[in-house]
Amino acid sequence: MLLGAELWCSSFVGLSKMAASSFILAGFFLMEYFANKIVGITQPNQLLNTRENTRN
């Protein structure tokens, strides 16, 4: 019984660490996405030119 509780506790700590790291990663992705959106609003032509250059 004690072993089961210990295993559950350690797995819960592992899951919370995974969740925290994934939240941090998602936050970085969102920040980058919104930064790109803001850049796209302020400089639409430059963004379109870079997209065209990557296609060719």
PDB file of N, CA and C in Angstrom:
ATOM      1  N   MET A   1       0.834  -1.214   0.000  1.00  0.00           N
ATOM      2  CA  MET A   1       0.000   0.000   0.000  1.00  0.00           C
ATOM      3  C   MET A   1       0.863   1.257   0.000  1.00  0.00           C
ATOM      4  N   LEU A   2       1.881   1.233   0.835  1.00  0.00           N
ATOM      5  CA  LEU A   2       2.775   2.385   0.907  1.00  0.00           C
ATOM      6  C   LEU A   2       3.528   2.557  -0.412  1.00  0.00           C
ATOM      7  N   LEU A   3       3.936   1.431  -1.009  1.00  0.00           N
ATOM      8  CA  LEU A   3       4.663   1.470  -2.278  1.00  0.00           C
ATOM      9  C   LEU A   3       3.788   2.075  -3.377  1.00  0.00           C
ATOM     10  N   GLY A   4       2.506   1.703  -3.389  1.00  0.00           N
ATOM     11  CA  GLY A   4       1.595   2.252  -4.395  1.00  0.00           C
ATOM     12  C   GLY A   4       1.465   3.757  -4.262  1.00  0.00           C
ATOM     13  N   ALA A   5       1.355   4.239  -3.026  1.00  0.00           N
ATOM     14  CA  ALA A   5       1.238   5.674  -2.803  1.00  0.00           C
ATOM     15  C   ALA A   5       2.522   6.380  -3.241  1.00  0.00           C
ATOM     16  N   GLU A   6       3.663   5.741  -2.974  1.00  0.00           N
ATOM     17  CA  GLU A   6       4.941   6.343  -3.351  1.00  0.00           C
ATOM     18  C   GLU A   6       5.066   6.426  -4.873  1.00  0.00           C
ATOM     19  N   LEU A   7       4.667   5.361  -5.544  1.00  0.00           N
ATOM     20  CA  LEU A   7       4.708   5.347  -7.011  1.00  0.00           C
ATOM     21  C   LEU A   7       3.774   6.401  -7.589  1.00  0.00           C
ATOM     22  N   TRP A   8       2.578   6.499  -7.025  1.00  0.00           N
ATOM     23  CA  TRP A   8       1.602   7.488  -7.503  1.00  0.00           C
ATOM     24  C   TRP A   8       2.145   8.894  -7.316  1.00  0.00           C
ATOM     25  N   CYS A   9       2.786   9.126  -6.164  1.00  0.00           N
ATOM     26  CA  CYS A   9       3.323  10.450  -5.856  1.00  0.00           C
ATOM     27  C   CYS A   9       4.437  10.802  -6.842  1.00  0.00           C
ATOM     28  N   SER A  10       5.334   9.848  -7.092  1.00  0.00           N
ATOM     29  CA  SER A  10       6.450  10.141  -8.000  1.00  0.00           C
ATOM     30  C   SER A  10       5.946  10.351  -9.422  1.00  0.00           C
ATOM     31  N   SER A  11       4.945   9.577  -9.830  1.00  0.00           N
ATOM     32  CA  SER A  11       4.414   9.752 -11.181  1.00  0.00           C
ATOM     33  C   SER A  11       3.692  11.092 -11.285  1.00  0.00           C
ATOM     34  N   PHE A  12       3.019  11.516 -10.204  1.00  0.00           N
ATOM     35  CA  PHE A  12       2.339  12.808 -10.208  1.00  0.00           C
ATOM     36  C   PHE A  12       3.350  13.942 -10.335  1.00  0.00           C
ATOM     37  N   VAL A  13       4.480  13.825  -9.616  1.00  0.00           N
ATOM     38  CA  VAL A  13       5.534  14.850  -9.698  1.00  0.00           C
ATOM     39  C   VAL A  13       6.106  14.883 -11.114  1.00  0.00           C
ATOM     40  N   GLY A  14       6.316  13.696 -11.710  1.00  0.00           N
ATOM     41  CA  GLY A  14       6.823  13.652 -13.075  1.00  0.00           C
ATOM     42  C   GLY A  14       5.854  14.284 -14.062  1.00  0.00           C
ATOM     43  N   LEU A  15       4.571  14.010 -13.887  1.00  0.00           N
ATOM     44  CA  LEU A  15       3.559  14.581 -14.778  1.00  0.00           C
ATOM     45  C   LEU A  15       3.491  16.099 -14.627  1.00  0.00           C
ATOM     46  N   SER A  16       3.574  16.574 -13.388  1.00  0.00           N
ATOM     47  CA  SER A  16       3.500  18.023 -13.184  1.00  0.00           C
ATOM     48  C   SER A  16       4.728  18.706 -13.780  1.00  0.00           C
ATOM     49  N   LYS A  17       5.890  18.054 -13.703  1.00  0.00           N
ATOM     50  CA  LYS A  17       7.086  18.631 -14.326  1.00  0.00           C
ATOM     51  C   LYS A  17       6.922  18.678 -15.837  1.00  0.00           C
ATOM     52  N   MET A  18       6.384  17.598 -16.416  1.00  0.00           N
ATOM     53  CA  MET A  18       6.148  17.571 -17.864  1.00  0.00           C
ATOM     54  C   MET A  18       5.151  18.657 -18.260  1.00  0.00           C
ATOM     55  N   ALA A  19       4.096  18.803 -17.483  1.00  0.00           N
ATOM     56  CA  ALA A  19       3.083  19.812 -17.786  1.00  0.00           C
ATOM     57  C   ALA A  19       3.680  21.213 -17.704  1.00  0.00           C
ATOM     58  N   ALA A  20       4.513  21.459 -16.687  1.00  0.00           N
ATOM     59  CA  ALA A  20       5.129  22.776 -16.533  1.00  0.00           C
ATOM     60  C   ALA A  20       6.029  23.086 -17.718  1.00  0.00           C
ATOM     61  N   SER A  21       6.837  22.107 -18.139  1.00  0.00           N
ATOM     62  CA  SER A  21       7.745  22.358 -19.261  1.00  0.00           C
ATOM     63  C   SER A  21       6.957  22.562 -20.548  1.00  0.00           C
ATOM     64  N   SER A  22       5.865  21.818 -20.727  1.00  0.00           N
ATOM     65  CA  SER A  22       5.071  21.985 -21.941  1.00  0.00           C
ATOM     66  C   SER A  22       4.352  23.335 -21.933  1.00  0.00           C
ATOM     67  N   PHE A  23       3.928  23.797 -20.753  1.00  0.00           N
ATOM     68  CA  PHE A  23       3.315  25.124 -20.663  1.00  0.00           C
ATOM     69  C   PHE A  23       4.329  26.202 -21.021  1.00  0.00           C
ATOM     70  N   ILE A  24       5.579  26.034 -20.548  1.00  0.00           N
ATOM     71  CA  ILE A  24       6.626  27.010 -20.858  1.00  0.00           C
ATOM     72  C   ILE A  24       6.882  27.023 -22.362  1.00  0.00           C
ATOM     73  N   LEU A  25       6.962  25.829 -22.958  1.00  0.00           N
ATOM     74  CA  LEU A  25       7.184  25.746 -24.410  1.00  0.00           C
ATOM     75  C   LEU A  25       6.023  26.389 -25.162  1.00  0.00           C
ATOM     76  N   ALA A  26       4.803  26.106 -24.736  1.00  0.00           N
ATOM     77  CA  ALA A  26       3.638  26.691 -25.400  1.00  0.00           C
ATOM     78  C   ALA A  26       3.658  28.211 -25.274  1.00  0.00           C
ATOM     79  N   GLY A  27       4.088  28.707 -24.113  1.00  0.00           N
ATOM     80  CA  GLY A  27       4.198  30.147 -23.912  1.00  0.00           C
ATOM     81  C   GLY A  27       5.191  30.771 -24.869  1.00  0.00           C
ATOM     82  N   PHE A  28       6.347  30.096 -25.051  1.00  0.00           N
ATOM     83  CA  PHE A  28       7.338  30.613 -25.988  1.00  0.00           C
ATOM     84  C   PHE A  28       6.791  30.629 -27.411  1.00  0.00           C
ATOM     85  N   PHE A  29       6.104  29.546 -27.791  1.00  0.00           N
ATOM     86  CA  PHE A  29       5.540  29.485 -29.140  1.00  0.00           C
ATOM     87  C   PHE A  29       4.502  30.584 -29.354  1.00  0.00           C
ATOM     88  N   LEU A  30       3.660  30.808 -28.329  1.00  0.00           N
ATOM     89  CA  LEU A  30       2.640  31.858 -28.442  1.00  0.00           C
ATOM     90  C   LEU A  30       3.283  33.234 -28.542  1.00  0.00           C
ATOM     91  N   MET A  31       4.331  33.466 -27.727  1.00  0.00           N
ATOM     92  CA  MET A  31       5.007  34.758 -27.779  1.00  0.00           C
ATOM     93  C   MET A  31       5.607  34.991 -29.165  1.00  0.00           C
ATOM     94  N   GLU A  32       6.245  33.944 -29.714  1.00  0.00           N
ATOM     95  CA  GLU A  32       6.840  34.067 -31.044  1.00  0.00           C
ATOM     96  C   GLU A  32       5.768  34.301 -32.100  1.00  0.00           C
ATOM     97  N   TYR A  33       4.641  33.598 -31.961  1.00  0.00           N
ATOM     98  CA  TYR A  33       3.541  33.743 -32.922  1.00  0.00           C
ATOM     99  C   TYR A  33       2.992  35.166 -32.905  1.00  0.00           C
ATOM    100  N   PHE A  34       2.767  35.695 -31.683  1.00  0.00           N
ATOM    101  CA  PHE A  34       2.223  37.048 -31.597  1.00  0.00           C
ATOM    102  C   PHE A  34       3.243  38.080 -32.057  1.00  0.00           C
ATOM    103  N   ALA A  35       4.529  37.833 -31.780  1.00  0.00           N
ATOM    104  CA  ALA A  35       5.560  38.747 -32.267  1.00  0.00           C
ATOM    105  C   ALA A  35       5.567  38.768 -33.787  1.00  0.00           C
ATOM    106  N   ASN A  36       5.425  37.598 -34.411  1.00  0.00           N
ATOM    107  CA  ASN A  36       5.367  37.534 -35.869  1.00  0.00           C
ATOM    108  C   ASN A  36       4.124  38.232 -36.397  1.00  0.00           C
ATOM    109  N   LYS A  37       3.007  38.108 -35.675  1.00  0.00           N
ATOM    110  CA  LYS A  37       1.779  38.785 -36.075  1.00  0.00           C
ATOM    111  C   LYS A  37       1.976  40.298 -36.057  1.00  0.00           C
ATOM    112  N   ILE A  38       2.612  40.799 -34.981  1.00  0.00           N
ATOM    113  CA  ILE A  38       2.835  42.239 -34.852  1.00  0.00           C
ATOM    114  C   ILE A  38       3.765  42.719 -35.956  1.00  0.00           C
ATOM    115  N   VAL A  39       4.828  41.948 -36.224  1.00  0.00           N
ATOM    116  CA  VAL A  39       5.752  42.297 -37.304  1.00  0.00           C
ATOM    117  C   VAL A  39       5.017  42.274 -38.640  1.00  0.00           C
ATOM    118  N   GLY A  40       4.132  41.292 -38.826  1.00  0.00           N
ATOM    119  CA  GLY A  40       3.363  41.208 -40.061  1.00  0.00           C
ATOM    120  C   GLY A  40       2.442  42.402 -40.247  1.00  0.00           C
ATOM    121  N   ILE A  41       1.901  42.927 -39.144  1.00  0.00           N
ATOM    122  CA  ILE A  41       1.016  44.086 -39.239  1.00  0.00           C
ATOM    123  C   ILE A  41       1.831  45.336 -39.580  1.00  0.00           C
ATOM    124  N   THR A  42       3.009  45.478 -38.953  1.00  0.00           N
ATOM    125  CA  THR A  42       3.790  46.697 -39.161  1.00  0.00           C
ATOM    126  C   THR A  42       4.553  46.659 -40.474  1.00  0.00           C
ATOM    127  N   GLN A  43       4.995  45.477 -40.903  1.00  0.00           N
ATOM    128  CA  GLN A  43       5.787  45.369 -42.136  1.00  0.00           C
ATOM    129  C   GLN A  43       5.229  44.246 -43.017  1.00  0.00           C
ATOM    130  N   PRO A  44       4.062  44.429 -43.620  1.00  0.00           N
ATOM    131  CA  PRO A  44       3.453  43.336 -44.394  1.00  0.00           C
ATOM    132  C   PRO A  44       4.234  43.015 -45.662  1.00  0.00           C
ATOM    133  N   ASN A  45       4.775  44.040 -46.323  1.00  0.00           N
ATOM    134  CA  ASN A  45       5.483  43.805 -47.582  1.00  0.00           C
ATOM    135  C   ASN A  45       6.748  42.993 -47.363  1.00  0.00           C
ATOM    136  N   GLN A  46       7.491  43.315 -46.316  1.00  0.00           N
ATOM    137  CA  GLN A  46       8.724  42.588 -46.041  1.00  0.00           C
ATOM    138  C   GLN A  46       8.416  41.116 -45.748  1.00  0.00           C
ATOM    139  N   LEU A  47       7.356  40.883 -44.982  1.00  0.00           N
ATOM    140  CA  LEU A  47       6.978  39.511 -44.646  1.00  0.00           C
ATOM    141  C   LEU A  47       6.598  38.737 -45.911  1.00  0.00           C
ATOM    142  N   LEU A  48       5.857  39.381 -46.815  1.00  0.00           N
ATOM    143  CA  LEU A  48       5.471  38.725 -48.061  1.00  0.00           C
ATOM    144  C   LEU A  48       6.698  38.434 -48.919  1.00  0.00           C
ATOM    145  N   ASN A  49       7.648  39.363 -48.942  1.00  0.00           N
ATOM    146  CA  ASN A  49       8.855  39.148 -49.734  1.00  0.00           C
ATOM    147  C   ASN A  49       9.648  37.967 -49.208  1.00  0.00           C
ATOM    148  N   THR A  50       9.758  37.831 -47.886  1.00  0.00           N
ATOM    149  CA  THR A  50      10.511  36.707 -47.335  1.00  0.00           C
ATOM    150  C   THR A  50       9.793  35.396 -47.653  1.00  0.00           C
ATOM    151  N   ARG A  51       8.478  35.402 -47.652  1.00  0.00           N
ATOM    152  CA  ARG A  51       7.734  34.188 -47.997  1.00  0.00           C
ATOM    153  C   ARG A  51       7.969  33.810 -49.460  1.00  0.00           C
ATOM    154  N   GLU A  52       7.975  34.797 -50.335  1.00  0.00           N
ATOM    155  CA  GLU A  52       8.211  34.526 -51.755  1.00  0.00           C
ATOM    156  C   GLU A  52       9.629  34.004 -51.973  1.00  0.00           C
ATOM    157  N   ASN A  53      10.585  34.563 -51.240  1.00  0.00           N
ATOM    158  CA  ASN A  53      11.975  34.123 -51.393  1.00  0.00           C
ATOM    159  C   ASN A  53      12.159  32.687 -50.921  1.00  0.00           C
ATOM    160  N   THR A  54      11.449  32.280 -49.874  1.00  0.00           N
ATOM    161  CA  THR A  54      11.601  30.913 -49.387  1.00  0.00           C
ATOM    162  C   THR A  54      10.980  29.917 -50.356  1.00  0.00           C
ATOM    163  N   ARG A  55       9.969  30.339 -51.107  1.00  0.00           N
ATOM    164  CA  ARG A  55       9.336  29.434 -52.074  1.00  0.00           C
ATOM    165  C   ARG A  55      10.269  29.157 -53.246  1.00  0.00           C
ATOM    166  N   ASN A  56      10.973  30.192 -53.712  1.00  0.00           N
ATOM    167  CA  ASN A  56      11.818  30.043 -54.917  1.00  0.00           C
ATOM    168  C   ASN A  56      13.093  29.270 -54.612  1.00  0.00           C
TER     169      ASN A  56
END
